[in-house]
Amino acid sequence: MAEGLANGNRTRLSSGAVPDEIRVVHNRKDKLGEWPKRSEPLYVGGEPRWFEHPVLAEKVDVVAVPLSAVDDVHL
């Protein structure tokens, strides 16, 4: 079972692994029906890239991660 991402704590899965990237599926720009997959790192230099809610933090299961590989996708 995963244990909180709050305050930048690295989450451990039941397997003992620590997730270090997230996969995102996008719409390809100007090519309807193409769905490129991109990997986004969750940490840079050991620091988390995500943003948590400024008040609710670990009380909600939602974060925002900036996307970096979006040149050929439609947002």
Protein backbone atom coordinates (compact mmCIF):
# COMPACT_ATOMS: atom_id res chain seq x y z
CA MET A 1 0.00 0.00 0.00
CA ALA A 2 1.24 3.49 -0.81
CA GLU A 3 1.99 5.87 2.03
CA GLY A 4 1.38 9.64 1.54
CA LEU A 5 3.03 12.03 -0.87
CA ALA A 6 2.46 14.83 1.61
CA ASN A 7 5.34 17.21 2.16
CA GLY A 8 7.50 15.49 -0.45
CA ASN A 9 7.65 12.11 1.28
CA ARG A 10 8.57 9.42 -1.19
CA THR A 11 5.73 6.96 -1.55
CA ARG A 12 6.51 3.29 -1.20
CA LEU A 13 4.31 0.79 -2.96
CA SER A 14 3.48 -2.58 -1.43
CA SER A 15 6.28 -3.98 -3.63
CA GLY A 16 8.76 -1.66 -1.89
CA ALA A 17 9.28 0.39 -5.07
CA VAL A 18 9.31 4.18 -5.03
CA PRO A 19 7.54 5.70 -8.07
CA ASP A 20 9.80 8.19 -9.84
CA GLU A 21 7.80 9.00 -12.96
CA ILE A 22 4.25 9.30 -14.21
CA ARG A 23 3.02 8.29 -17.68
CA VAL A 24 0.68 10.73 -19.46
CA VAL A 25 -1.30 10.03 -22.64
CA HIS A 26 -1.95 13.11 -24.80
CA ASN A 27 -3.81 13.97 -28.00
CA ARG A 28 -1.26 14.54 -30.75
CA LYS A 29 -1.45 18.06 -32.17
CA ASP A 30 -3.11 18.17 -35.64
CA LYS A 31 -3.40 14.33 -35.82
CA LEU A 32 -6.79 13.21 -34.57
CA GLY A 33 -6.66 9.69 -33.15
CA GLU A 34 -2.95 9.61 -32.30
CA TRP A 35 -2.15 9.30 -28.61
CA PRO A 36 1.54 9.79 -27.75
CA LYS A 37 2.66 8.62 -24.31
CA ARG A 38 5.07 10.76 -22.33
CA SER A 39 6.94 10.11 -19.11
CA GLU A 40 7.26 12.94 -16.64
CA PRO A 41 9.70 12.69 -13.74
CA LEU A 42 8.19 13.10 -10.27
CA TYR A 43 11.48 14.30 -8.75
CA VAL A 44 14.28 16.57 -9.97
CA GLY A 45 17.45 16.64 -7.92
CA GLY A 46 15.67 14.62 -5.23
CA GLU A 47 12.96 17.28 -4.85
CA PRO A 48 9.30 16.63 -5.79
CA ARG A 49 8.01 18.39 -8.92
CA TRP A 50 4.36 18.30 -7.92
CA PHE A 51 2.29 20.92 -6.17
CA GLU A 52 -0.17 20.13 -3.41
CA HIS A 53 -3.22 22.06 -2.36
CA PRO A 54 -1.93 24.92 -0.18
CA VAL A 55 -4.45 24.32 2.60
CA LEU A 56 -5.70 20.74 2.34
CA ALA A 57 -2.33 19.15 1.41
CA GLU A 58 -2.47 15.41 2.23
CA LYS A 59 -6.20 15.57 3.03
CA VAL A 60 -7.06 15.42 -0.70
CA ASP A 61 -5.84 12.95 -3.31
CA VAL A 62 -4.98 15.45 -6.03
CA VAL A 63 -1.73 17.09 -7.08
CA ALA A 64 -0.54 19.10 -10.08
CA VAL A 65 2.61 18.14 -11.98
CA PRO A 66 4.05 20.50 -14.59
CA LEU A 67 4.30 18.89 -18.03
CA SER A 68 7.53 19.23 -19.98
CA ALA A 69 7.27 17.12 -23.16
CA VAL A 70 4.33 18.83 -24.90
CA ASP A 71 5.72 20.29 -28.15
CA ASP A 72 3.70 18.01 -30.44
CA VAL A 73 0.58 17.51 -28.31
CA HIS A 74 -2.71 19.36 -27.95
CA LEU A 75 -3.49 20.62 -24.45
